[in-house]
C-alpha atoms as a PDB file:
ATOM      1  CA  MET A   1      11.513  15.611   0.811  1.00  0.00           C
ATOM      2  CA  VAL A   2      13.584  17.906  -1.013  1.00  0.00           C
ATOM      3  CA  SER A   3      13.494  16.640  -4.638  1.00  0.00           C
ATOM      4  CA  ALA A   4      12.514  14.129  -6.617  1.00  0.00           C
ATOM      5  CA  VAL A   5      12.186  12.515  -9.841  1.00  0.00           C
ATOM      6  CA  LYS A   6       9.627  10.272 -11.804  1.00  0.00           C
ATOM      7  CA  LEU A   7      11.108   7.060 -13.341  1.00  0.00           C
ATOM      8  CA  GLN A   8       9.564   5.008 -16.227  1.00  0.00           C
ATOM      9  CA  ASP A   9       8.684   1.739 -13.948  1.00  0.00           C
ATOM     10  CA  THR A  10       9.582   0.343 -11.084  1.00  0.00           C
ATOM     11  CA  PRO A  11      13.008   0.867  -9.051  1.00  0.00           C
ATOM     12  CA  TRP A  12      14.602  -2.368  -7.431  1.00  0.00           C
ATOM     13  CA  ARG A  13      17.961  -1.615  -6.395  1.00  0.00           C
ATOM     14  CA  ILE A  14      20.244   1.673  -5.650  1.00  0.00           C
ATOM     15  CA  CYS A  15      23.692   2.661  -5.126  1.00  0.00           C
ATOM     16  CA  LEU A  16      26.019   6.038  -4.617  1.00  0.00           C
ATOM     17  CA  THR A  17      28.668   5.702  -7.524  1.00  0.00           C
ATOM     18  CA  ASP A  18      30.041   9.166  -5.996  1.00  0.00           C
ATOM     19  CA  ARG A  19      28.878  12.284  -3.804  1.00  0.00           C
ATOM     20  CA  ASN A  20      27.028  13.545  -7.048  1.00  0.00           C
ATOM     21  CA  THR A  21      25.758  10.657  -8.723  1.00  0.00           C
ATOM     22  CA  ALA A  22      23.745   7.999  -7.920  1.00  0.00           C
ATOM     23  CA  ALA A  23      22.493   4.529 -10.129  1.00  0.00           C
ATOM     24  CA  VAL A  24      19.543   2.983  -9.995  1.00  0.00           C
ATOM     25  CA  ASN A  25      17.999  -0.492 -11.057  1.00  0.00           C
ATOM     26  CA  VAL A  26      15.100   0.312 -12.882  1.00  0.00           C
ATOM     27  CA  GLY A  27      12.608  -2.421 -14.272  1.00  0.00           C
ATOM     28  CA  LEU A  28      14.352  -5.667 -15.292  1.00  0.00           C
ATOM     29  CA  LYS A  29      17.424  -4.628 -17.941  1.00  0.00           C
ATOM     30  CA  LYS A  30      17.784  -0.738 -17.341  1.00  0.00           C
ATOM     31  CA  ILE A  31      20.263   1.501 -15.196  1.00  0.00           C
ATOM     32  CA  GLN A  32      19.225   4.703 -14.426  1.00  0.00           C
ATOM     33  CA  MET A  33      21.869   7.460 -13.479  1.00  0.00           C
ATOM     34  CA  PHE A  34      20.320  10.082 -11.742  1.00  0.00           C
ATOM     35  CA  LEU A  35      22.751  13.672 -10.866  1.00  0.00           C
ATOM     36  CA  VAL A  36      22.392  15.455  -7.186  1.00  0.00           C
ATOM     37  CA  LYS A  37      23.045  19.073  -7.258  1.00  0.00           C
ATOM     38  CA  GLY A  38      22.613  20.573  -4.603  1.00  0.00           C
ATOM     39  CA  LYS A  39      18.837  19.503  -3.465  1.00  0.00           C
ATOM     40  CA  THR A  40      17.956  18.813  -6.645  1.00  0.00           C
ATOM     41  CA  LEU A  41      17.967  15.956  -8.168  1.00  0.00           C
ATOM     42  CA  THR A  42      17.816  14.619 -11.907  1.00  0.00           C
ATOM     43  CA  ASN A  43      17.768  12.341 -14.647  1.00  0.00           C
ATOM     44  CA  GLY A  44      21.384  11.257 -16.271  1.00  0.00           C
ATOM     45  CA  LYS A  45      22.039   8.494 -18.443  1.00  0.00           C
ATOM     46  CA  GLU A  46      20.433   5.395 -19.069  1.00  0.00           C
ATOM     47  CA  LEU A  47      22.399   2.216 -19.498  1.00  0.00           C
ATOM     48  CA  ASN A  48      20.527  -1.035 -20.919  1.00  0.00           C
ATOM     49  CA  VAL A  49      21.905  -4.579 -20.243  1.00  0.00           C
ATOM     50  CA  SER A  50      20.857  -7.836 -21.637  1.00  0.00           C
ATOM     51  CA  ARG A  51      19.786  -9.794 -19.047  1.00  0.00           C
ATOM     52  CA  TYR A  52      17.636  -9.886 -15.831  1.00  0.00           C
ATOM     53  CA  ILE A  53      19.511  -7.918 -12.946  1.00  0.00           C
ATOM     54  CA  ILE A  54      19.277  -8.878  -9.439  1.00  0.00           C
ATOM     55  CA  GLY A  55      22.116  -6.743  -7.932  1.00  0.00           C
ATOM     56  CA  LEU A  56      23.327  -3.481  -7.971  1.00  0.00           C
ATOM     57  CA  THR A  57      26.889  -1.778  -6.669  1.00  0.00           C
ATOM     58  CA  SER A  58      29.360   0.736  -7.495  1.00  0.00           C
ATOM     59  CA  SER A  59      33.003   0.820  -6.906  1.00  0.00           C
ATOM     60  CA  ARG A  60      36.398   2.051  -8.572  1.00  0.00           C
ATOM     61  CA  ASN A  61      34.422   4.614 -10.727  1.00  0.00           C
ATOM     62  CA  SER A  62      32.524   1.778 -12.277  1.00  0.00           C
ATOM     63  CA  LEU A  63      29.261  -0.572 -11.940  1.00  0.00           C
ATOM     64  CA  LEU A  64      28.880  -4.320 -10.503  1.00  0.00           C
ATOM     65  CA  VAL A  65      25.938  -5.499 -11.630  1.00  0.00           C
ATOM     66  CA  SER A  66      24.748  -9.381 -10.869  1.00  0.00           C
ATOM     67  CA  TYR A  67      22.188 -11.292 -13.081  1.00  0.00           C
ATOM     68  CA  SER A  68      20.132 -14.138 -12.395  1.00  0.00           C
ATOM     69  CA  SER A  69      21.680 -16.242 -15.241  1.00  0.00           C
ATOM     70  CA  GLN A  70      24.986 -16.505 -16.523  1.00  0.00           C
ATOM     71  CA  PRO A  71      27.142 -14.118 -16.691  1.00  0.00           C
ATOM     72  CA  TRP A  72      26.608 -13.742 -12.928  1.00  0.00           C
ATOM     73  CA  LEU A  73      28.294 -10.905 -12.428  1.00  0.00           C
ATOM     74  CA  GLU A  74      29.419  -8.031 -14.900  1.00  0.00           C
ATOM     75  CA  VAL A  75      31.716  -4.546 -14.694  1.00  0.00           C
ATOM     76  CA  ILE A  76      30.127  -1.897 -16.380  1.00  0.00           C
ATOM     77  CA  SER A  77      31.434   1.347 -17.096  1.00  0.00           C
ATOM     78  CA  MET A  78      29.844   4.370 -16.423  1.00  0.00           C
ATOM     79  CA  ASP A  79      28.742   4.750 -20.020  1.00  0.00           C
ATOM     80  CA  GLY A  80      27.335   1.370 -20.290  1.00  0.00           C
ATOM     81  CA  LYS A  81      30.299  -0.379 -21.901  1.00  0.00           C
ATOM     82  CA  VAL A  82      30.961  -4.183 -20.313  1.00  0.00           C
ATOM     83  CA  LEU A  83      35.119  -4.171 -18.758  1.00  0.00           C
ATOM     84  CA  HIS A  84      34.777  -7.825 -17.010  1.00  0.00           C
ATOM     85  CA  GLN A  85      32.460 -10.651 -16.989  1.00  0.00           C
ATOM     86  CA  PHE A  86      32.417 -13.600 -14.240  1.00  0.00           C
ATOM     87  CA  ASP A  87      34.115 -16.303 -15.991  1.00  0.00           C
ATOM     88  CA  LYS A  88      31.293 -18.687 -17.585  1.00  0.00           C
ATOM     89  CA  SER A  89      33.827 -21.990 -16.654  1.00  0.00           C
ATOM     90  CA  GLY A  90      33.035 -24.228 -14.159  1.00  0.00           C
ATOM     91  CA  LYS A  91      33.763 -22.203 -11.511  1.00  0.00           C
ATOM     92  CA  SER A  92      30.204 -20.350 -12.527  1.00  0.00           C
ATOM     93  CA  GLN A  93      29.186 -23.418  -9.790  1.00  0.00           C
ATOM     94  CA  GLN A  94      30.506 -20.552  -7.237  1.00  0.00           C
ATOM     95  CA  PHE A  95      27.045 -18.898  -7.338  1.00  0.00           C
ATOM     96  CA  LYS A  96      23.539 -19.443  -7.868  1.00  0.00           C
ATOM     97  CA  TYR A  97      21.418 -16.521  -7.139  1.00  0.00           C
ATOM     98  CA  PRO A  98      23.800 -13.484  -6.025  1.00  0.00           C
ATOM     99  CA  GLU A  99      21.232 -11.264  -5.509  1.00  0.00           C
ATOM    100  CA  PHE A 100      22.653  -8.790  -3.628  1.00  0.00           C
ATOM    101  CA  MET A 101      26.084  -6.649  -3.054  1.00  0.00           C
ATOM    102  CA  CYS A 102      27.812  -4.065  -0.955  1.00  0.00           C
ATOM    103  CA  THR A 103      31.239  -2.038  -1.198  1.00  0.00           C
ATOM    104  CA  THR A 104      33.176  -1.618   1.554  1.00  0.00           C
ATOM    105  CA  PRO A 105      35.066   2.168   1.985  1.00  0.00           C
ATOM    106  CA  GLY A 106      38.234   0.795   0.707  1.00  0.00           C
ATOM    107  CA  GLY A 107      36.260  -0.600  -2.632  1.00  0.00           C
ATOM    108  CA  SER A 108      35.882  -4.135  -1.673  1.00  0.00           C
ATOM    109  CA  VAL A 109      32.206  -5.680  -2.827  1.00  0.00           C
ATOM    110  CA  PHE A 110      30.773  -8.636  -1.184  1.00  0.00           C
ATOM    111  CA  ILE A 111      28.002 -10.617  -2.402  1.00  0.00           C
ATOM    112  CA  SER A 112      25.847 -12.520  -0.939  1.00  0.00           C
ATOM    113  CA  ASP A 113      23.982 -15.631  -2.621  1.00  0.00           C
ATOM    114  CA  ARG A 114      21.011 -17.113  -1.049  1.00  0.00           C
ATOM    115  CA  GLY A 115      21.005 -20.055  -3.430  1.00  0.00           C
ATOM    116  CA  THR A 116      24.403 -20.930  -2.360  1.00  0.00           C
ATOM    117  CA  ASN A 117      24.078 -19.801   1.346  1.00  0.00           C
ATOM    118  CA  THR A 118      27.782 -18.132   1.157  1.00  0.00           C
ATOM    119  CA  ILE A 119      29.021 -14.607   1.261  1.00  0.00           C
ATOM    120  CA  THR A 120      31.470 -14.103  -1.610  1.00  0.00           C
ATOM    121  CA  LYS A 121      34.473 -11.329  -2.092  1.00  0.00           C
ATOM    122  CA  VAL A 122      35.712 -10.197  -5.546  1.00  0.00           C
ATOM    123  CA  ASP A 123      38.259  -7.841  -6.815  1.00  0.00           C
ATOM    124  CA  ALA A 124      37.209  -4.825  -9.671  1.00  0.00           C
ATOM    125  CA  GLN A 125      38.118  -7.831 -12.329  1.00  0.00           C
ATOM    126  CA  LEU A 126      35.756  -9.898 -11.187  1.00  0.00           C
ATOM    127  CA  ASN A 127      38.434 -12.653  -9.510  1.00  0.00           C
ATOM    128  CA  ILE A 128      36.709 -14.311  -6.452  1.00  0.00           C
ATOM    129  CA  LEU A 129      39.318 -13.232  -2.989  1.00  0.00           C
ATOM    130  CA  GLN A 130      37.924 -15.377  -0.331  1.00  0.00           C
ATOM    131  CA  THR A 131      34.353 -17.050   0.139  1.00  0.00           C
ATOM    132  CA  PHE A 132      32.721 -17.440   3.870  1.00  0.00           C
ATOM    133  CA  THR A 133      30.202 -19.682   4.908  1.00  0.00           C
ATOM    134  CA  SER A 134      28.512 -20.487   8.137  1.00  0.00           C
ATOM    135  CA  PRO A 135      25.869 -22.370   9.585  1.00  0.00           C
ATOM    136  CA  LEU A 136      24.536 -18.768  10.617  1.00  0.00           C
ATOM    137  CA  LEU A 137      24.171 -18.330   7.161  1.00  0.00           C
ATOM    138  CA  ARG A 138      20.642 -19.324   5.797  1.00  0.00           C
ATOM    139  CA  ARG A 139      19.296 -17.568   2.715  1.00  0.00           C
ATOM    140  CA  PRO A 140      21.462 -14.666   3.059  1.00  0.00           C
ATOM    141  CA  TRP A 141      20.123 -11.534   1.504  1.00  0.00           C
ATOM    142  CA  GLY A 142      20.568  -7.914   2.369  1.00  0.00           C
ATOM    143  CA  ILE A 143      24.112  -7.363   2.914  1.00  0.00           C
ATOM    144  CA  THR A 144      25.962  -3.903   4.119  1.00  0.00           C
ATOM    145  CA  ALA A 145      29.473  -2.801   5.057  1.00  0.00           C
ATOM    146  CA  VAL A 146      30.281  -1.116   8.000  1.00  0.00           C
ATOM    147  CA  THR A 147      34.118  -1.096   7.740  1.00  0.00           C
ATOM    148  CA  ASP A 148      36.110  -2.545   5.487  1.00  0.00           C
ATOM    149  CA  ASP A 149      36.384  -5.429   7.835  1.00  0.00           C
ATOM    150  CA  GLN A 150      33.168  -5.771   9.145  1.00  0.00           C
ATOM    151  CA  ILE A 151      29.839  -6.973   7.102  1.00  0.00           C
ATOM    152  CA  LEU A 152      26.522  -7.130   8.006  1.00  0.00           C
ATOM    153  CA  VAL A 153      24.325  -9.743   6.495  1.00  0.00           C
ATOM    154  CA  CYS A 154      20.174 -10.521   7.193  1.00  0.00           C
ATOM    155  CA  SER A 155      20.007 -13.595   7.497  1.00  0.00           C
ATOM    156  CA  LEU A 156      16.630 -14.587   6.437  1.00  0.00           C
ATOM    157  CA  GLU A 157      15.659 -18.131   7.834  1.00  0.00           C
ATOM    158  CA  ASN A 158      17.790 -17.593  11.054  1.00  0.00           C
ATOM    159  CA  ASN A 159      15.499 -14.355  11.643  1.00  0.00           C
ATOM    160  CA  SER A 160      18.949 -12.508  12.411  1.00  0.00           C
ATOM    161  CA  ILE A 161      21.527 -10.222  11.284  1.00  0.00           C
ATOM    162  CA  VAL A 162      25.158 -11.672  11.179  1.00  0.00           C
ATOM    163  CA  LEU A 163      28.523 -10.108  11.590  1.00  0.00           C
ATOM    164  CA  LEU A 164      30.841 -11.539   9.360  1.00  0.00           C
ATOM    165  CA  GLN A 165      34.695 -10.125  10.408  1.00  0.00           C
ATOM    166  CA  GLN A 166      36.311 -11.299   7.067  1.00  0.00           C
ATOM    167  CA  SER A 167      40.524 -10.765   8.687  1.00  0.00           C
ATOM    168  CA  THR A 168      39.258 -13.229  11.332  1.00  0.00           C
ATOM    169  CA  ASN A 169      36.954 -15.020   8.973  1.00  0.00           C
ATOM    170  CA  THR A 170      34.278 -15.331  11.774  1.00  0.00           C
ATOM    171  CA  MET A 171      30.627 -14.987  12.054  1.00  0.00           C
ATOM    172  CA  THR A 172      28.530 -14.038  15.423  1.00  0.00           C
ATOM    173  CA  THR A 173      24.792 -12.709  15.471  1.00  0.00           C
ATOM    174  CA  LEU A 174      24.647  -9.383  16.448  1.00  0.00           C
ATOM    175  CA  LEU A 175      20.539  -9.073  16.307  1.00  0.00           C
ATOM    176  CA  GLY A 176      17.895 -12.191  16.431  1.00  0.00           C
ATOM    177  CA  LYS A 177      14.577 -12.493  17.546  1.00  0.00           C
ATOM    178  CA  ASP A 178      14.838 -11.337  21.008  1.00  0.00           C
ATOM    179  CA  ASP A 179      15.881  -7.937  19.199  1.00  0.00           C
ATOM    180  CA  GLY A 180      13.090  -8.442  16.973  1.00  0.00           C
ATOM    181  CA  ILE A 181      13.994  -9.452  13.709  1.00  0.00           C
ATOM    182  CA  GLU A 182      12.228 -11.838  12.397  1.00  0.00           C
ATOM    183  CA  ARG A 183      12.711 -12.740   8.678  1.00  0.00           C
ATOM    184  CA  PRO A 184      15.268  -9.589   7.698  1.00  0.00           C
ATOM    185  CA  PHE A 185      15.284  -8.623   4.068  1.00  0.00           C
ATOM    186  CA  THR A 186      18.018  -5.931   3.479  1.00  0.00           C
ATOM    187  CA  LEU A 187      19.443  -3.265   5.371  1.00  0.00           C
ATOM    188  CA  THR A 188      22.116  -0.529   5.696  1.00  0.00           C
ATOM    189  CA  TYR A 189      24.700   1.090   7.780  1.00  0.00           C
ATOM    190  CA  CYS A 190      25.197   4.945   8.344  1.00  0.00           C
ATOM    191  CA  PRO A 191      28.511   5.552  10.012  1.00  0.00           C
ATOM    192  CA  ASP A 192      28.021   9.081  10.966  1.00  0.00           C
ATOM    193  CA  LEU A 193      25.155   8.366  13.336  1.00  0.00           C
ATOM    194  CA  LYS A 194      26.567   4.317  13.912  1.00  0.00           C
ATOM    195  CA  LYS A 195      23.181   2.818  13.248  1.00  0.00           C
ATOM    196  CA  VAL A 196      21.596  -0.067  11.368  1.00  0.00           C
ATOM    197  CA  TYR A 197      18.256  -0.010   9.217  1.00  0.00           C
ATOM    198  CA  VAL A 198      16.537  -2.860   8.475  1.00  0.00           C
ATOM    199  CA  ALA A 199      13.967  -3.563   6.386  1.00  0.00           C
ATOM    200  CA  ILE A 200      11.851  -6.912   7.172  1.00  0.00           C
ATOM    201  CA  ALA A 201      10.181  -9.020   4.963  1.00  0.00           C
ATOM    202  CA  GLY A 202       6.455  -8.698   5.089  1.00  0.00           C
ATOM    203  CA  MET A 203       6.413  -5.564   6.918  1.00  0.00           C
ATOM    204  CA  ILE A 204       6.625  -2.645   4.016  1.00  0.00           C
ATOM    205  CA  ASP A 205       5.491  -0.035   6.024  1.00  0.00           C
ATOM    206  CA  THR A 206       8.434  -0.407   8.809  1.00  0.00           C
ATOM    207  CA  ILE A 207      12.219   0.321   8.987  1.00  0.00           C
ATOM    208  CA  LYS A 208      13.773  -1.066  12.321  1.00  0.00           C
ATOM    209  CA  VAL A 209      16.845   1.025  13.722  1.00  0.00           C
ATOM    210  CA  TYR A 210      19.600   0.020  15.478  1.00  0.00           C
ATOM    211  CA  GLN A 211      22.527   1.784  17.447  1.00  0.00           C
ATOM    212  CA  MET A 212      25.145   0.425  17.020  1.00  0.00           C
ATOM    213  CA  SER A 213      28.116   0.352  19.968  1.00  0.00           C
END
Protein backbone atom coordinates (compact mmCIF):
# COMPACT_ATOMS: atom_id res chain seq x y z
CA MET A 1 0.00 0.00 0.00
CA VAL A 2 1.36 3.42 -0.98
CA SER A 3 -1.49 5.70 0.13
CA ALA A 4 -4.85 5.62 1.94
CA VAL A 5 -7.70 7.98 2.83
CA LYS A 6 -10.37 7.83 5.53
CA LEU A 7 -14.00 7.63 4.34
CA GLN A 8 -17.06 8.83 6.25
CA ASP A 9 -19.21 5.88 5.17
CA THR A 10 -19.07 2.50 3.40
CA PRO A 11 -17.61 2.52 -0.14
CA TRP A 12 -19.68 0.53 -2.67
CA ARG A 13 -18.67 1.27 -6.25
CA ILE A 14 -15.47 2.74 -7.66
CA CYS A 15 -14.34 3.78 -11.13
CA LEU A 16 -11.50 5.69 -12.75
CA THR A 17 -12.51 8.86 -14.53
CA ASP A 18 -9.02 9.49 -15.92
CA ARG A 19 -5.44 8.57 -15.04
CA ASN A 20 -5.43 10.96 -12.08
CA THR A 21 -8.98 10.83 -10.74
CA ALA A 22 -11.32 8.20 -9.29
CA ALA A 23 -14.95 8.32 -8.19
CA VAL A 24 -16.31 6.26 -5.28
CA ASN A 25 -19.94 5.74 -4.28
CA VAL A 26 -19.80 6.35 -0.51
CA GLY A 27 -22.89 5.51 1.54
CA LEU A 28 -26.18 5.67 -0.35
CA LYS A 29 -26.43 9.11 -1.95
CA LYS A 30 -22.91 10.48 -2.23
CA ILE A 31 -20.04 10.25 -4.73
CA GLN A 32 -16.57 11.09 -3.42
CA MET A 33 -13.94 12.13 -5.94
CA PHE A 34 -10.28 11.26 -5.31
CA LEU A 35 -7.15 12.73 -6.82
CA VAL A 36 -4.03 10.69 -7.54
CA LYS A 37 -0.77 12.66 -7.50
CA GLY A 38 2.23 10.42 -7.87
CA LYS A 39 1.74 7.84 -5.11
CA THR A 40 -0.53 10.05 -3.00
CA LEU A 41 -4.31 9.73 -2.81
CA THR A 42 -6.27 12.79 -1.65
CA ASN A 43 -9.94 13.71 -1.28
CA GLY A 44 -11.56 15.77 -4.02
CA LYS A 45 -15.11 17.04 -4.50
CA GLU A 46 -18.19 15.45 -2.94
CA LEU A 47 -21.22 15.04 -5.22
CA ASN A 48 -24.69 14.47 -3.74
CA VAL A 49 -27.55 12.77 -5.57
CA SER A 50 -31.24 12.42 -4.67
CA ARG A 51 -31.63 8.63 -4.87
CA TYR A 52 -29.88 5.46 -3.74
CA ILE A 53 -26.93 4.67 -6.03
CA ILE A 54 -26.49 1.06 -7.12
CA GLY A 55 -24.16 1.40 -10.12
CA LEU A 56 -21.34 3.74 -11.14
CA THR A 57 -19.01 4.15 -14.13
CA SER A 58 -17.52 6.97 -16.17
CA SER A 59 -17.39 7.80 -19.87
CA ARG A 60 -16.40 10.84 -21.91
CA ASN A 61 -15.57 13.01 -18.89
CA SER A 62 -18.91 12.31 -17.19
CA LEU A 63 -20.23 9.94 -14.54
CA LEU A 64 -23.02 7.46 -15.30
CA VAL A 65 -25.06 6.45 -12.27
CA SER A 66 -27.79 3.83 -11.89
CA TYR A 67 -30.46 3.90 -9.18
CA SER A 68 -32.87 1.45 -7.56
CA SER A 69 -35.87 3.50 -8.74
CA GLN A 70 -36.81 5.93 -11.52
CA PRO A 71 -35.01 7.67 -13.06
CA TRP A 72 -33.03 4.48 -13.53
CA LEU A 73 -29.98 6.18 -15.02
CA GLU A 74 -28.35 9.59 -14.98
CA VAL A 75 -25.32 11.19 -16.61
CA ILE A 76 -23.67 13.62 -14.19
CA SER A 77 -20.91 16.12 -14.86
CA MET A 78 -17.78 16.04 -12.73
CA ASP A 79 -19.15 18.95 -10.69
CA GLY A 80 -22.47 17.20 -9.98
CA LYS A 81 -24.78 18.68 -12.62
CA VAL A 82 -27.35 16.27 -14.11
CA LEU A 83 -26.82 16.21 -17.88
CA HIS A 84 -29.15 13.40 -18.97
CA GLN A 85 -31.77 11.10 -17.42
CA PHE A 86 -33.17 7.88 -18.76
CA ASP A 87 -36.61 8.44 -20.30
CA LYS A 88 -39.34 7.89 -17.69
CA SER A 89 -41.93 6.79 -20.28
CA GLY A 90 -43.05 3.21 -20.93
CA LYS A 91 -39.48 2.39 -21.94
CA SER A 92 -38.63 2.41 -18.23
CA GLN A 93 -39.71 -1.24 -18.19
CA GLN A 94 -36.34 -1.85 -19.84
CA PHE A 95 -34.83 -1.92 -16.34
CA LYS A 96 -35.75 -3.50 -13.03
CA TYR A 97 -32.42 -3.55 -11.18
CA PRO A 98 -29.55 -2.08 -13.24
CA GLU A 99 -26.88 -2.72 -10.65
CA PHE A 100 -23.50 -3.10 -12.39
CA MET A 101 -22.04 -0.96 -15.17
CA CYS A 102 -18.82 -0.93 -17.19
CA THR A 103 -17.21 1.24 -19.86
CA THR A 104 -15.27 -0.13 -22.83
CA PRO A 105 -11.93 1.39 -23.93
CA GLY A 106 -13.85 3.23 -26.66
CA GLY A 107 -16.33 4.76 -24.20
CA SER A 108 -19.41 2.54 -24.70
CA VAL A 109 -21.37 1.74 -21.54
CA PHE A 110 -22.89 -1.67 -20.72
CA ILE A 111 -25.33 -2.34 -17.88
CA SER A 112 -26.24 -5.68 -16.31
CA ASP A 113 -29.76 -6.00 -14.91
CA ARG A 114 -30.39 -8.96 -12.62
CA GLY A 115 -34.11 -8.18 -12.61
CA THR A 116 -34.53 -8.67 -16.36
CA ASN A 117 -31.54 -11.01 -16.98
CA THR A 118 -30.25 -8.68 -19.69
CA ILE A 119 -27.19 -6.69 -20.71
CA THR A 120 -27.97 -3.27 -22.21
CA LYS A 121 -25.69 -0.98 -24.20
CA VAL A 122 -26.35 2.79 -23.98
CA ASP A 123 -24.73 5.87 -25.47
CA ALA A 124 -23.56 9.04 -23.71
CA GLN A 125 -27.13 10.45 -23.78
CA LEU A 126 -28.57 7.22 -22.29
CA ASN A 127 -30.24 6.13 -25.52
CA ILE A 128 -30.54 2.34 -25.66
CA LEU A 129 -28.40 1.01 -28.50
CA GLN A 130 -28.74 -2.74 -28.02
CA THR A 131 -30.05 -5.31 -25.53
CA PHE A 132 -28.52 -8.75 -25.13
CA THR A 133 -30.29 -11.82 -23.70
CA SER A 134 -29.32 -15.49 -23.39
CA PRO A 135 -30.21 -18.56 -21.31
CA LEU A 136 -26.62 -18.29 -20.06
CA LEU A 137 -27.57 -15.13 -18.18
CA ARG A 138 -29.24 -15.95 -14.90
CA ARG A 139 -29.04 -13.09 -12.42
CA PRO A 140 -26.14 -11.25 -14.10
CA TRP A 141 -24.17 -9.10 -11.67
CA GLY A 142 -20.58 -7.95 -12.14
CA ILE A 143 -19.58 -6.85 -15.64
CA THR A 144 -16.27 -5.72 -17.15
CA ALA A 145 -14.91 -4.86 -20.59
CA VAL A 146 -12.09 -6.80 -22.25
CA THR A 147 -12.21 -4.88 -25.55
CA ASP A 148 -14.75 -2.64 -27.27
CA ASP A 149 -16.35 -5.83 -28.60
CA GLN A 150 -15.93 -8.28 -25.71
CA ILE A 151 -17.65 -8.04 -22.32
CA LEU A 152 -17.36 -10.44 -19.38
CA VAL A 153 -20.39 -10.98 -17.14
CA CYS A 154 -20.89 -12.81 -13.83
CA SER A 155 -23.88 -15.14 -14.23
CA LEU A 156 -24.50 -15.72 -10.54
CA GLU A 157 -27.10 -18.50 -10.68
CA ASN A 158 -25.42 -20.27 -13.60
CA ASN A 159 -22.14 -20.34 -11.62
CA SER A 160 -20.24 -19.04 -14.64
CA ILE A 161 -18.42 -16.19 -16.32
CA VAL A 162 -20.03 -15.43 -19.68
CA LEU A 163 -18.25 -13.84 -22.64
CA LEU A 164 -20.48 -11.47 -24.64
CA GLN A 165 -19.34 -10.75 -28.21
CA GLN A 166 -21.46 -7.78 -29.20
CA SER A 167 -20.55 -7.71 -32.92
CA THR A 168 -22.02 -11.20 -33.38
CA ASN A 169 -24.63 -10.92 -30.59
CA THR A 170 -23.42 -14.18 -29.08
CA MET A 171 -22.65 -15.39 -25.58
CA THR A 172 -20.46 -18.30 -24.52
CA THR A 173 -19.41 -19.69 -21.15
CA LEU A 174 -15.78 -18.75 -20.53
CA LEU A 175 -15.42 -20.14 -16.99
CA GLY A 176 -17.67 -22.45 -15.00
CA LYS A 177 -17.89 -24.71 -11.97
CA ASP A 178 -15.07 -26.92 -13.23
CA ASP A 179 -12.85 -23.84 -13.10
CA GLY A 180 -13.79 -23.07 -9.50
CA ILE A 181 -16.50 -20.54 -10.33
CA GLU A 182 -19.49 -20.72 -7.99
CA ARG A 183 -21.80 -17.74 -7.40
CA PRO A 184 -19.51 -15.12 -9.00
CA PHE A 185 -20.37 -11.66 -7.71
CA THR A 186 -18.11 -9.17 -9.46
CA LEU A 187 -14.97 -9.12 -11.61
CA THR A 188 -12.46 -6.94 -13.39
CA TYR A 189 -9.97 -7.38 -16.23
CA CYS A 190 -6.33 -6.25 -16.42
CA PRO A 191 -5.41 -5.67 -20.09
CA ASP A 192 -1.67 -5.45 -19.40
CA LEU A 193 -1.50 -8.87 -17.73
CA LYS A 194 -4.53 -10.33 -19.59
CA LYS A 195 -5.89 -11.62 -16.30
CA VAL A 196 -9.44 -11.77 -14.93
CA TYR A 197 -10.00 -11.17 -11.20
CA VAL A 198 -13.23 -12.69 -9.83
CA ALA A 199 -14.89 -12.19 -6.44
CA ILE A 200 -17.15 -15.00 -5.22
CA ALA A 201 -20.31 -14.30 -3.19
CA GLY A 202 -19.81 -15.40 0.41
CA MET A 203 -15.99 -15.64 0.13
CA ILE A 204 -15.03 -12.31 1.69
CA ASP A 205 -11.28 -13.05 1.82
CA THR A 206 -10.71 -14.59 -1.63
CA ILE A 207 -10.14 -13.28 -5.16
CA LYS A 208 -9.73 -15.87 -7.92
CA VAL A 209 -7.40 -14.97 -10.79
CA TYR A 210 -7.56 -16.47 -14.28
CA GLN A 211 -5.20 -16.04 -17.23
CA MET A 212 -6.79 -15.23 -20.57
CA SER A 213 -5.03 -16.27 -23.76
